[in-house]
């Protein structure tokens, strides 16, 4: 038995939850995958997997073995990767999680350029606005908004997001154009964004010169996903306050109109985050460098540097 191949096969079965999906992923016959796992169990003299007609899951021994071997195989792959190729030619799978609008509006439209530059990197992108457990969900890195204070995490500043308030022309025709943040407290409807997992509303605090106003206002709809926030604004459901890259293209086209010019909220810093105890792979490094390029190029984002208050 090729022990390393058997271990890799077992890892992929656990990650996919299926012998069939693991076989497809590894481009092996399903019976070969089954045989390799059986040989590994016989070699170790323990049962690694619970098998039912509906799913495959690791036993307690299998979970412990997976966690140790996933780390060891990952380090093995990194050593071979770094010896085989220079930094400009990384290879392998990169699992990264980010907000839906970062993925759909900033990353994915430019992803063909990343693939052309790094054709041997396979990106597994998780796109949602919910918090992600890097270790528990086996994610290599995440893109997070705000300040990162957890000492167990390393954060690389990618850039910052200016924020803007806007609404559809139909909404403004019906309700008028707010000239001061206090106008939003009466006669207007906000589209409220709440953080996924906590249902805590995102505060809207606007400043101009020495004046600062916290806007609460009434709302017709609240959402916990930034794509839905944009859809609600385009549908004329209220005034949206969000990072300018979300609304920028629609403001340029006239589908949305910016309001409260001169009033602004602090820029939102964006970081690429990974566990401090994890070796920084060439894949993560070049991905972070490329994301910084996107922040420099986009007319709706700011490059790394101190965010404006």
Protein backbone atom coordinates (compact mmCIF):
# COMPACT_ATOMS: atom_id res chain seq x y z
CA UNK A 1 0.00 0.00 0.00
CA UNK A 2 1.15 3.53 -0.81
CA UNK A 3 0.60 5.05 2.62
CA UNK A 4 0.64 8.68 1.47
CA UNK A 5 -1.87 8.01 -1.30
CA UNK A 6 -4.11 6.16 1.15
CA UNK A 7 -3.90 9.02 3.66
CA UNK A 8 -4.68 11.61 0.98
CA UNK A 9 -7.65 9.52 -0.14
CA UNK A 10 -8.97 9.26 3.42
CA UNK A 11 -8.61 13.03 3.89
CA UNK A 12 -10.56 13.72 0.72
CA UNK A 13 -13.36 11.30 1.74
CA UNK A 14 -13.73 13.18 5.04
CA UNK A 15 -13.66 16.58 3.31
CA UNK A 16 -16.24 15.63 0.69
CA UNK A 17 -18.35 13.36 2.93
CA UNK A 18 -18.63 10.78 0.17
CA UNK A 19 -16.58 8.04 -1.47
CA UNK A 20 -18.10 8.95 -4.83
CA UNK A 21 -17.28 12.66 -4.55
CA UNK A 22 -13.79 11.84 -3.31
CA UNK A 23 -13.28 9.54 -6.29
CA UNK A 24 -14.42 12.25 -8.70
CA UNK A 25 -12.18 14.81 -7.01
CA UNK A 26 -9.14 12.52 -7.12
CA UNK A 27 -10.03 11.19 -10.58
CA UNK A 28 -9.88 7.61 -9.31
CA UNK A 29 -12.33 4.71 -9.65
CA UNK A 30 -14.67 4.53 -6.68
CA UNK A 31 -13.60 0.99 -5.85
CA UNK A 32 -9.99 2.16 -5.68
CA UNK A 33 -10.93 4.84 -3.15
CA UNK A 34 -12.83 2.30 -1.06
CA UNK A 35 -9.93 -0.17 -1.22
CA UNK A 36 -7.35 2.44 -0.19
CA UNK A 37 -9.37 3.47 2.87
CA UNK A 38 -9.94 -0.17 3.84
CA UNK A 39 -6.20 -0.86 3.54
CA UNK A 40 -5.44 2.17 5.68
CA UNK A 41 -7.88 1.00 8.37
CA UNK A 42 -6.33 -2.45 8.28
CA UNK A 43 -2.84 -0.97 8.54
CA UNK A 44 -3.82 1.17 11.54
CA UNK A 45 -6.10 -1.49 13.05
CA UNK A 46 -8.80 1.10 13.77
CA UNK A 47 -12.08 2.07 12.16
CA UNK A 48 -11.73 5.51 10.61
CA UNK A 49 -15.15 6.02 9.00
CA UNK A 50 -18.79 5.38 9.80
CA UNK A 51 -20.56 4.36 6.60
CA UNK A 52 -24.32 4.54 6.01
CA UNK A 53 -26.38 4.56 2.84
CA UNK A 54 -26.80 8.35 3.17
CA UNK A 55 -23.41 9.66 4.24
CA UNK A 56 -19.88 8.94 5.40
CA UNK A 57 -18.51 10.52 8.57
CA UNK A 58 -15.33 10.02 10.61
CA UNK A 59 -15.33 8.05 13.85
CA UNK A 60 -13.81 9.65 16.94
CA UNK A 61 -10.51 7.96 16.08
CA UNK A 62 -10.98 9.03 12.46
CA UNK A 63 -11.50 12.66 13.48
CA UNK A 64 -8.31 12.67 15.56
CA UNK A 65 -6.39 10.99 12.74
CA UNK A 66 -7.79 13.43 10.19
CA UNK A 67 -6.76 16.49 12.19
CA UNK A 68 -3.19 15.26 12.66
CA UNK A 69 -2.71 13.97 9.13
CA UNK A 70 -4.35 16.98 7.44
CA UNK A 71 -1.78 19.19 9.14
CA UNK A 72 1.12 16.87 8.31
CA UNK A 73 0.09 16.38 4.68
CA UNK A 74 -0.45 20.13 4.35
CA UNK A 75 3.09 20.75 5.62
CA UNK A 76 4.41 18.03 3.31
CA UNK A 77 2.70 19.70 0.35
CA UNK A 78 4.05 23.10 1.34
CA UNK A 79 7.64 21.85 1.52
CA UNK A 80 7.34 20.21 -1.88
CA UNK A 81 5.58 23.27 -3.27
CA UNK A 82 8.25 25.68 -2.09
CA UNK A 83 11.09 23.46 -3.30
CA UNK A 84 9.50 22.77 -6.67
CA UNK A 85 8.47 26.28 -7.60
CA UNK A 86 9.37 29.85 -6.84
CA UNK A 87 6.94 32.23 -5.23
CA UNK A 88 5.62 33.30 -8.61
CA UNK A 89 4.51 29.73 -9.42
CA UNK A 90 2.45 28.49 -6.44
CA UNK A 91 0.16 25.53 -6.86
CA UNK A 92 -2.54 23.67 -4.99
CA UNK A 93 -5.89 24.42 -3.43
CA UNK A 94 -6.64 27.66 -1.57
CA UNK A 95 -9.78 27.78 0.57
CA UNK A 96 -10.83 31.38 1.23
CA UNK A 97 -14.02 32.87 2.67
CA UNK A 98 -15.35 36.40 2.16
CA UNK A 99 -18.50 38.51 2.06
CA UNK A 100 -20.84 37.99 -0.86
CA UNK A 101 -20.38 41.42 -2.42
CA UNK A 102 -16.58 41.32 -2.07
CA UNK A 103 -16.73 38.05 -3.97
CA UNK A 104 -19.29 39.00 -6.63
CA UNK A 105 -18.42 42.66 -7.25
CA UNK A 106 -14.68 42.88 -6.63
CA UNK A 107 -13.02 39.46 -6.80
CA UNK A 108 -14.84 37.30 -9.34
CA UNK A 109 -15.00 39.88 -12.19
CA UNK A 110 -11.17 39.97 -12.14
CA UNK A 111 -10.56 36.32 -11.32
CA UNK A 112 -9.57 35.37 -14.87
CA UNK A 113 -6.46 37.54 -14.47
CA UNK A 114 -5.49 35.73 -11.28
CA UNK A 115 -5.92 32.38 -13.02
CA UNK A 116 -3.81 33.53 -15.97
CA UNK A 117 -1.04 34.55 -13.58
CA UNK A 118 -1.30 31.52 -11.26
CA UNK A 119 -2.84 28.71 -13.33
CA UNK A 120 -1.90 26.00 -10.82
CA UNK A 121 -3.82 27.53 -7.90
CA UNK A 122 -7.32 26.17 -7.36
CA UNK A 123 -9.60 28.58 -5.48
CA UNK A 124 -12.42 27.30 -3.27
CA UNK A 125 -14.40 30.45 -2.46
CA UNK A 126 -16.93 30.60 0.33
CA UNK A 127 -19.15 33.66 -0.10
CA UNK A 128 -21.43 34.69 2.76
CA UNK A 129 -21.80 37.46 5.33
CA UNK A 130 -21.68 35.09 8.29
CA UNK A 131 -18.62 34.77 10.58
CA UNK A 132 -16.38 31.84 9.69
CA UNK A 133 -14.36 29.60 12.03
CA UNK A 134 -11.03 29.32 10.19
CA UNK A 135 -9.83 26.26 12.08
CA UNK A 136 -13.13 24.46 12.54
CA UNK A 137 -14.18 24.92 8.91
CA UNK A 138 -10.68 24.19 7.53
CA UNK A 139 -10.39 27.53 5.73
CA UNK A 140 -6.94 28.80 4.75
CA UNK A 141 -7.79 32.47 5.08
CA UNK A 142 -10.73 34.85 5.24
CA UNK A 143 -11.33 38.44 4.14
CA UNK A 144 -12.82 40.38 7.03
CA UNK A 145 -14.06 43.92 7.53
CA UNK A 146 -13.12 45.97 10.56
CA UNK A 147 -10.30 45.78 13.08
CA UNK A 148 -8.87 42.35 13.92
CA UNK A 149 -7.94 42.12 17.62
CA UNK A 150 -7.75 38.33 18.13
CA UNK A 151 -4.09 37.54 19.03
CA UNK A 152 -4.43 34.04 17.56
CA UNK A 153 -4.93 35.56 14.09
CA UNK A 154 -2.60 37.33 11.68
CA UNK A 155 -4.19 40.14 9.65
CA UNK A 156 -2.77 41.70 6.50
CA UNK A 157 -4.35 45.03 5.52
CA UNK A 158 -5.68 44.84 1.95
CA UNK A 159 -7.28 48.28 1.75
CA UNK A 160 -10.33 50.17 2.94
CA UNK A 161 -13.91 50.75 1.85
CA UNK A 162 -15.38 54.27 1.77
CA UNK A 163 -19.08 54.32 2.64
CA UNK A 164 -21.95 56.15 1.00
CA UNK A 165 -25.69 56.68 1.43
CA UNK A 166 -27.87 56.29 -1.64
CA UNK A 167 -31.40 55.55 -2.83
CA UNK A 168 -33.23 54.91 -6.08
CA UNK A 169 -34.56 57.84 -8.14
CA UNK A 170 -38.14 56.57 -7.65
CA UNK A 171 -37.71 56.51 -3.88
CA UNK A 172 -36.30 60.06 -3.84
CA UNK A 173 -39.07 61.31 -6.12
CA UNK A 174 -41.63 59.98 -3.65
CA UNK A 175 -39.93 60.99 -0.38
CA UNK A 176 -37.63 63.88 -1.24
CA UNK A 177 -33.84 64.13 -1.04
CA UNK A 178 -32.43 64.21 2.50
CA UNK A 179 -30.02 67.08 3.04
CA UNK A 180 -29.07 66.33 6.66
CA UNK A 181 -28.79 63.00 8.54
CA UNK A 182 -31.59 64.14 10.84
CA UNK A 183 -33.90 64.12 7.80
CA UNK A 184 -33.65 60.31 7.86
CA UNK A 185 -35.35 60.22 11.27
CA UNK A 186 -38.66 61.39 9.81
CA UNK A 187 -40.27 61.04 6.42
CA UNK A 188 -37.70 58.52 5.20
CA UNK A 189 -37.21 54.77 5.41
CA UNK A 190 -33.85 53.11 5.94
CA UNK A 191 -32.83 49.69 4.69
CA UNK A 192 -31.31 48.18 7.80
CA UNK A 193 -28.33 45.84 7.63
CA UNK A 194 -27.98 43.37 10.51
CA UNK A 195 -24.92 41.23 11.12
CA UNK A 196 -25.47 37.57 10.28
CA UNK A 197 -25.49 35.34 13.34
CA UNK A 198 -26.15 38.12 15.87
CA UNK A 199 -28.99 40.15 14.29
CA UNK A 200 -27.21 43.24 15.63
CA UNK A 201 -27.96 46.25 13.47
CA UNK A 202 -25.03 47.98 11.83
CA UNK A 203 -24.84 51.51 13.27
CA UNK A 204 -24.97 54.51 10.92
CA UNK A 205 -22.83 57.34 12.31
CA UNK A 206 -22.17 60.27 9.97
CA UNK A 207 -19.82 63.19 10.47
CA UNK A 208 -19.14 66.55 8.84
CA UNK A 209 -16.53 68.80 10.39
CA UNK A 210 -17.09 68.78 14.16
CA UNK A 211 -20.69 67.53 13.87
CA UNK A 212 -21.51 63.84 14.35
CA UNK A 213 -24.97 62.33 14.04
CA UNK A 214 -26.05 58.74 14.75
CA UNK A 215 -28.97 57.78 12.53
CA UNK A 216 -31.49 55.27 13.81
CA UNK A 217 -34.63 55.95 11.79
CA UNK A 218 -37.44 53.59 10.91
CA UNK A 219 -37.11 50.73 8.48
CA UNK A 220 -39.40 48.66 6.33
CA UNK A 221 -36.97 45.79 5.74
CA UNK A 222 -33.77 44.53 7.32
CA UNK A 223 -31.34 42.09 5.71
CA UNK A 224 -28.25 40.19 6.86
CA UNK A 225 -26.60 39.81 3.45
CA UNK A 226 -25.05 42.64 1.47
CA UNK A 227 -26.35 41.48 -1.93
CA UNK A 228 -29.88 41.62 -0.56
CA UNK A 229 -29.14 45.10 0.81
CA UNK A 230 -28.27 46.29 -2.70
CA UNK A 231 -31.35 44.62 -4.21
CA UNK A 232 -33.58 46.37 -1.66
CA UNK A 233 -32.09 49.76 -2.55
CA UNK A 234 -32.52 49.16 -6.29
CA UNK A 235 -36.14 48.18 -5.62
CA UNK A 236 -36.77 51.57 -4.00
CA UNK A 237 -37.36 50.23 -0.50
CA UNK A 238 -35.42 52.96 1.28
CA UNK A 239 -32.08 54.66 1.83
CA UNK A 240 -29.08 52.34 1.89
CA UNK A 241 -25.86 53.12 3.75
CA UNK A 242 -23.10 50.76 2.69
CA UNK A 243 -19.57 50.59 1.28
CA UNK A 244 -19.39 52.63 -1.93
CA UNK A 245 -18.11 49.70 -4.00
CA UNK A 246 -21.52 48.04 -3.57
CA UNK A 247 -23.45 50.97 -4.98
CA UNK A 248 -20.79 52.60 -7.18
CA UNK A 249 -21.64 51.04 -10.54
CA UNK A 250 -25.34 51.67 -10.00
CA UNK A 251 -24.67 55.31 -9.06
CA UNK A 252 -22.63 55.66 -12.27
CA UNK A 253 -25.51 54.22 -14.30
CA UNK A 254 -28.16 56.38 -12.60
CA UNK A 255 -29.98 53.43 -11.01
CA UNK A 256 -29.04 54.83 -7.59
CA UNK A 257 -28.38 58.40 -6.42
CA UNK A 258 -25.97 59.37 -3.66
CA UNK A 259 -27.39 61.54 -0.91
CA UNK A 260 -26.04 63.44 2.10
CA UNK A 261 -22.96 64.70 0.27
CA UNK A 262 -20.40 66.01 2.73
CA UNK A 263 -21.54 63.62 5.45
CA UNK A 264 -19.44 60.51 5.78
CA UNK A 265 -18.77 57.53 7.99
CA UNK A 266 -15.29 56.16 8.74
CA UNK A 267 -13.76 54.00 6.03
CA UNK A 268 -14.00 50.27 6.73
CA UNK A 269 -10.60 48.51 6.81
CA UNK A 270 -10.42 45.14 5.07
CA UNK A 271 -7.94 42.46 6.09
CA UNK A 272 -6.88 39.04 4.88
CA UNK A 273 -6.75 36.91 8.04
CA UNK A 274 -5.20 33.52 8.81
CA UNK A 275 -4.29 31.64 12.02
CA UNK A 276 -1.03 32.75 13.65
CA UNK A 277 0.10 29.16 14.15
CA UNK A 278 -0.30 28.29 10.47
CA UNK A 279 2.56 28.60 8.00
CA UNK A 280 1.90 31.33 5.44
CA UNK A 281 1.76 29.43 2.17
CA UNK A 282 2.84 30.82 -1.18
CA UNK A 283 -0.80 30.51 -2.29
CA UNK A 284 -2.06 32.78 0.50
CA UNK A 285 0.80 35.22 -0.06
CA UNK A 286 0.21 35.73 -3.77
CA UNK A 287 -3.56 35.87 -3.26
CA UNK A 288 -3.13 38.66 -0.70
CA UNK A 289 -0.79 40.55 -3.04
CA UNK A 290 -3.33 40.24 -5.85
CA UNK A 291 -6.20 41.43 -3.64
CA UNK A 292 -4.17 44.55 -2.78
CA UNK A 293 -3.83 45.18 -6.52
CA UNK A 294 -7.62 45.05 -6.84
CA UNK A 295 -8.04 47.58 -4.05
CA UNK A 296 -5.56 49.88 -5.77
CA UNK A 297 -7.29 49.57 -9.15
CA UNK A 298 -10.95 49.88 -8.17
CA UNK A 299 -12.40 53.42 -8.25
CA UNK A 300 -14.63 52.51 -5.30
CA UNK A 301 -11.96 51.26 -2.84
CA UNK A 302 -8.83 52.62 -1.15
CA UNK A 303 -5.36 50.98 -1.12
CA UNK A 304 -3.63 49.97 2.13
CA UNK A 305 -2.87 52.81 4.49
CA UNK A 306 -4.52 54.48 7.49
CA UNK A 307 -8.31 54.54 6.88
CA UNK A 308 -9.91 57.96 7.00
CA UNK A 309 -11.87 58.58 10.19
